[in-house]
Amino acid sequence: YISEPVYYYRIIESSITHIYKANMPEINNAIFQAFNEFLSINDNFQKFEKMYYATVVRRLEQIISKYFLCKSNPSSRKEVIKEMNKTLRMEPYRTAVKKVEVKKLIRRHKALVYFSRTKSAFLVCQFYNVKDAILKMLH
């Protein structure tokens, strides 16, 4: 959890990291469960709290892009909005969005936190639509 870049990577839209992942909610739940087990063993949540919330926000971004808004998601837009609204109100997303140290996040995560705080999946979707449109114009 540092503020300077230590690696660079290329984004390849056709790679396996950019495909629809139907089990993304389960993946995130397993990650959060493992993290909570680690924290309970070490009994030191305050020490890792900022990093944990930043990790949850990053995983929220992943579930939105690789699950909810992925082009190959078979759900209707209405179903996606409903499930995303439910997710935004679930733990640990709800608390992380409230308590994350926003100034230490990258720009797109800052915007995601801002829109997620409205608890409106529709606004989060609109943010991603605008972001994607801008990126297409730049390329």
C-alpha atoms as a PDB file:
ATOM      1  CA  TYR A   1       0.000   0.000   0.000  1.00  0.00           C
ATOM      2  CA  ILE A   2       2.305   2.683  -1.336  1.00  0.00           C
ATOM      3  CA  SER A   3       1.707   5.766  -3.460  1.00  0.00           C
ATOM      4  CA  GLU A   4       4.427   5.310  -6.076  1.00  0.00           C
ATOM      5  CA  PRO A   5       4.152   2.997  -9.084  1.00  0.00           C
ATOM      6  CA  VAL A   6       6.413  -0.039  -8.866  1.00  0.00           C
ATOM      7  CA  TYR A   7       5.316  -1.857 -12.020  1.00  0.00           C
ATOM      8  CA  TYR A   8       3.645  -1.198 -15.333  1.00  0.00           C
ATOM      9  CA  TYR A   9       1.328  -3.420 -17.310  1.00  0.00           C
ATOM     10  CA  ARG A  10      -0.496  -3.529 -20.599  1.00  0.00           C
ATOM     11  CA  ILE A  11      -4.246  -3.943 -20.851  1.00  0.00           C
ATOM     12  CA  ILE A  12      -5.239  -6.495 -23.468  1.00  0.00           C
ATOM     13  CA  GLU A  13      -9.023  -6.595 -23.821  1.00  0.00           C
ATOM     14  CA  SER A  14      -9.069 -10.180 -25.134  1.00  0.00           C
ATOM     15  CA  SER A  15      -7.058 -11.606 -22.232  1.00  0.00           C
ATOM     16  CA  ILE A  16      -8.576 -13.958 -19.666  1.00  0.00           C
ATOM     17  CA  THR A  17      -8.463 -11.183 -17.068  1.00  0.00           C
ATOM     18  CA  HIS A  18     -11.101  -9.245 -19.034  1.00  0.00           C
ATOM     19  CA  ILE A  19     -13.745 -11.925 -19.515  1.00  0.00           C
ATOM     20  CA  TYR A  20     -17.029 -12.406 -17.677  1.00  0.00           C
ATOM     21  CA  LYS A  21     -16.543 -14.259 -14.401  1.00  0.00           C
ATOM     22  CA  ALA A  22     -19.832 -15.736 -13.183  1.00  0.00           C
ATOM     23  CA  ASN A  23     -18.220 -16.722  -9.868  1.00  0.00           C
ATOM     24  CA  MET A  24     -16.806 -13.268  -9.071  1.00  0.00           C
ATOM     25  CA  PRO A  25     -19.083 -12.740  -6.018  1.00  0.00           C
ATOM     26  CA  GLU A  26     -17.883 -16.058  -4.573  1.00  0.00           C
ATOM     27  CA  ILE A  27     -14.254 -15.180  -5.345  1.00  0.00           C
ATOM     28  CA  ASN A  28     -14.603 -11.870  -3.504  1.00  0.00           C
ATOM     29  CA  ASN A  29     -16.345 -13.531  -0.549  1.00  0.00           C
ATOM     30  CA  ALA A  30     -13.510 -16.074  -0.272  1.00  0.00           C
ATOM     31  CA  ILE A  31     -10.909 -13.283  -0.383  1.00  0.00           C
ATOM     32  CA  PHE A  32     -12.716 -11.304   2.318  1.00  0.00           C
ATOM     33  CA  GLN A  33     -13.174 -14.403   4.470  1.00  0.00           C
ATOM     34  CA  ALA A  34      -9.453 -15.234   4.241  1.00  0.00           C
ATOM     35  CA  PHE A  35      -8.556 -11.646   5.087  1.00  0.00           C
ATOM     36  CA  ASN A  36     -10.917 -11.648   8.093  1.00  0.00           C
ATOM     37  CA  GLU A  37      -9.446 -14.954   9.317  1.00  0.00           C
ATOM     38  CA  PHE A  38      -5.969 -13.430   9.075  1.00  0.00           C
ATOM     39  CA  LEU A  39      -7.122 -10.369  11.003  1.00  0.00           C
ATOM     40  CA  SER A  40      -8.801 -12.444  13.714  1.00  0.00           C
ATOM     41  CA  ILE A  41      -5.677 -14.582  14.185  1.00  0.00           C
ATOM     42  CA  ASN A  42      -3.478 -11.504  14.449  1.00  0.00           C
ATOM     43  CA  ASP A  43      -6.041  -9.490  16.429  1.00  0.00           C
ATOM     44  CA  ASN A  44      -4.827  -6.250  14.903  1.00  0.00           C
ATOM     45  CA  PHE A  45      -7.529  -4.837  12.643  1.00  0.00           C
ATOM     46  CA  GLN A  46      -6.442  -1.213  13.206  1.00  0.00           C
ATOM     47  CA  LYS A  47      -3.014  -1.962  11.762  1.00  0.00           C
ATOM     48  CA  PHE A  48      -4.509  -3.318   8.526  1.00  0.00           C
ATOM     49  CA  GLU A  49      -7.776  -1.357   8.379  1.00  0.00           C
ATOM     50  CA  LYS A  50      -6.745   1.174   5.695  1.00  0.00           C
ATOM     51  CA  MET A  51      -5.234  -1.498   3.492  1.00  0.00           C
ATOM     52  CA  TYR A  52      -8.275  -3.752   3.944  1.00  0.00           C
ATOM     53  CA  TYR A  53     -10.730  -1.049   2.888  1.00  0.00           C
ATOM     54  CA  ALA A  54      -8.579  -0.166  -0.140  1.00  0.00           C
ATOM     55  CA  THR A  55      -8.521  -3.864  -1.084  1.00  0.00           C
ATOM     56  CA  VAL A  56     -12.304  -4.087  -0.789  1.00  0.00           C
ATOM     57  CA  VAL A  57     -12.702  -1.031  -3.060  1.00  0.00           C
ATOM     58  CA  ARG A  58     -10.345  -2.616  -5.606  1.00  0.00           C
ATOM     59  CA  ARG A  59     -12.377  -5.843  -5.470  1.00  0.00           C
ATOM     60  CA  LEU A  60     -15.576  -3.793  -5.878  1.00  0.00           C
ATOM     61  CA  GLU A  61     -14.099  -2.326  -9.045  1.00  0.00           C
ATOM     62  CA  GLN A  62     -13.260  -5.840 -10.235  1.00  0.00           C
ATOM     63  CA  ILE A  63     -16.750  -7.203  -9.590  1.00  0.00           C
ATOM     64  CA  ILE A  64     -18.333  -4.255 -11.384  1.00  0.00           C
ATOM     65  CA  SER A  65     -16.159  -4.533 -14.476  1.00  0.00           C
ATOM     66  CA  LYS A  66     -15.690  -8.327 -14.691  1.00  0.00           C
ATOM     67  CA  TYR A  67     -19.123  -9.380 -13.514  1.00  0.00           C
ATOM     68  CA  PHE A  68     -21.867  -6.778 -13.520  1.00  0.00           C
ATOM     69  CA  LEU A  69     -20.921  -4.704 -16.570  1.00  0.00           C
ATOM     70  CA  CYS A  70     -19.092  -7.323 -18.608  1.00  0.00           C
ATOM     71  CA  LYS A  71     -20.540  -7.474 -22.133  1.00  0.00           C
ATOM     72  CA  SER A  72     -20.992 -11.251 -21.890  1.00  0.00           C
ATOM     73  CA  ASN A  73     -23.016 -11.092 -18.660  1.00  0.00           C
ATOM     74  CA  PRO A  74     -26.249 -12.954 -19.553  1.00  0.00           C
ATOM     75  CA  SER A  75     -28.387 -10.927 -17.100  1.00  0.00           C
ATOM     76  CA  SER A  76     -30.662  -8.122 -18.258  1.00  0.00           C
ATOM     77  CA  ARG A  77     -29.705  -4.542 -17.428  1.00  0.00           C
ATOM     78  CA  LYS A  78     -32.561  -4.417 -14.910  1.00  0.00           C
ATOM     79  CA  GLU A  79     -31.258  -7.584 -13.175  1.00  0.00           C
ATOM     80  CA  VAL A  80     -27.710  -6.193 -13.161  1.00  0.00           C
ATOM     81  CA  ILE A  81     -28.834  -2.916 -11.564  1.00  0.00           C
ATOM     82  CA  LYS A  82     -30.870  -4.786  -8.939  1.00  0.00           C
ATOM     83  CA  GLU A  83     -28.006  -7.120  -8.007  1.00  0.00           C
ATOM     84  CA  MET A  84     -25.463  -4.302  -8.024  1.00  0.00           C
ATOM     85  CA  ASN A  85     -27.676  -2.215  -5.707  1.00  0.00           C
ATOM     86  CA  LYS A  86     -27.819  -5.191  -3.347  1.00  0.00           C
ATOM     87  CA  THR A  87     -24.042  -5.610  -3.508  1.00  0.00           C
ATOM     88  CA  LEU A  88     -23.367  -1.920  -2.784  1.00  0.00           C
ATOM     89  CA  ARG A  89     -25.388  -2.294   0.422  1.00  0.00           C
ATOM     90  CA  MET A  90     -23.598  -5.499   1.510  1.00  0.00           C
ATOM     91  CA  GLU A  91     -20.610  -5.827   3.785  1.00  0.00           C
ATOM     92  CA  PRO A  92     -17.738  -5.310   3.450  1.00  0.00           C
ATOM     93  CA  TYR A  93     -18.407  -3.023   0.452  1.00  0.00           C
ATOM     94  CA  ARG A  94     -20.737  -0.676   2.345  1.00  0.00           C
ATOM     95  CA  THR A  95     -18.261  -0.005   5.164  1.00  0.00           C
ATOM     96  CA  ALA A  96     -15.216   0.139   2.892  1.00  0.00           C
ATOM     97  CA  VAL A  97     -16.830   2.777   0.673  1.00  0.00           C
ATOM     98  CA  LYS A  98     -17.582   4.860   3.789  1.00  0.00           C
ATOM     99  CA  LYS A  99     -14.230   4.444   5.536  1.00  0.00           C
ATOM    100  CA  VAL A 100     -11.595   4.034   2.818  1.00  0.00           C
ATOM    101  CA  GLU A 101      -8.853   6.643   2.730  1.00  0.00           C
ATOM    102  CA  VAL A 102      -9.917   8.185  -0.586  1.00  0.00           C
ATOM    103  CA  LYS A 103      -6.845  10.384  -1.081  1.00  0.00           C
ATOM    104  CA  LYS A 104      -4.643   7.275  -1.340  1.00  0.00           C
ATOM    105  CA  LEU A 105      -6.730   5.636  -4.069  1.00  0.00           C
ATOM    106  CA  ILE A 106      -6.071   5.781  -7.778  1.00  0.00           C
ATOM    107  CA  ARG A 107      -8.347   8.088  -9.766  1.00  0.00           C
ATOM    108  CA  ARG A 108     -10.858   5.517 -10.999  1.00  0.00           C
ATOM    109  CA  HIS A 109     -11.225   4.056  -7.501  1.00  0.00           C
ATOM    110  CA  LYS A 110     -11.787   7.539  -6.087  1.00  0.00           C
ATOM    111  CA  ALA A 111     -14.596   8.067  -8.601  1.00  0.00           C
ATOM    112  CA  LEU A 112     -16.027   4.629  -7.850  1.00  0.00           C
ATOM    113  CA  VAL A 113     -16.112   5.427  -4.127  1.00  0.00           C
ATOM    114  CA  TYR A 114     -17.812   8.754  -4.798  1.00  0.00           C
ATOM    115  CA  PHE A 115     -20.540   7.167  -6.938  1.00  0.00           C
ATOM    116  CA  SER A 116     -20.878   4.124  -4.660  1.00  0.00           C
ATOM    117  CA  ARG A 117     -21.540   6.364  -1.679  1.00  0.00           C
ATOM    118  CA  THR A 118     -24.797   7.359  -3.400  1.00  0.00           C
ATOM    119  CA  LYS A 119     -25.789   3.669  -3.157  1.00  0.00           C
ATOM    120  CA  SER A 120     -27.119   3.977  -6.695  1.00  0.00           C
ATOM    121  CA  ALA A 121     -26.051   1.230  -9.061  1.00  0.00           C
ATOM    122  CA  PHE A 122     -27.520   3.296 -11.890  1.00  0.00           C
ATOM    123  CA  LEU A 123     -25.047   6.139 -11.198  1.00  0.00           C
ATOM    124  CA  VAL A 124     -22.165   3.676 -10.905  1.00  0.00           C
ATOM    125  CA  CYS A 125     -23.154   2.208 -14.294  1.00  0.00           C
ATOM    126  CA  GLN A 126     -23.356   5.687 -15.820  1.00  0.00           C
ATOM    127  CA  PHE A 127     -19.869   6.465 -14.508  1.00  0.00           C
ATOM    128  CA  TYR A 128     -18.495   3.316 -16.169  1.00  0.00           C
ATOM    129  CA  ASN A 129     -20.324   4.091 -19.419  1.00  0.00           C
ATOM    130  CA  VAL A 130     -18.805   7.580 -19.547  1.00  0.00           C
ATOM    131  CA  LYS A 131     -15.357   6.255 -18.580  1.00  0.00           C
ATOM    132  CA  ASP A 132     -15.505   3.624 -21.333  1.00  0.00           C
ATOM    133  CA  ALA A 133     -16.682   6.171 -23.915  1.00  0.00           C
ATOM    134  CA  ILE A 134     -13.802   8.513 -23.036  1.00  0.00           C
ATOM    135  CA  LEU A 135     -11.277   5.691 -23.256  1.00  0.00           C
ATOM    136  CA  LYS A 136     -12.597   4.682 -26.695  1.00  0.00           C
ATOM    137  CA  MET A 137     -12.282   8.266 -27.902  1.00  0.00           C
ATOM    138  CA  LEU A 138      -8.681   8.436 -26.694  1.00  0.00           C
ATOM    139  CA  HIS A 139      -7.662   5.263 -28.481  1.00  0.00           C
END
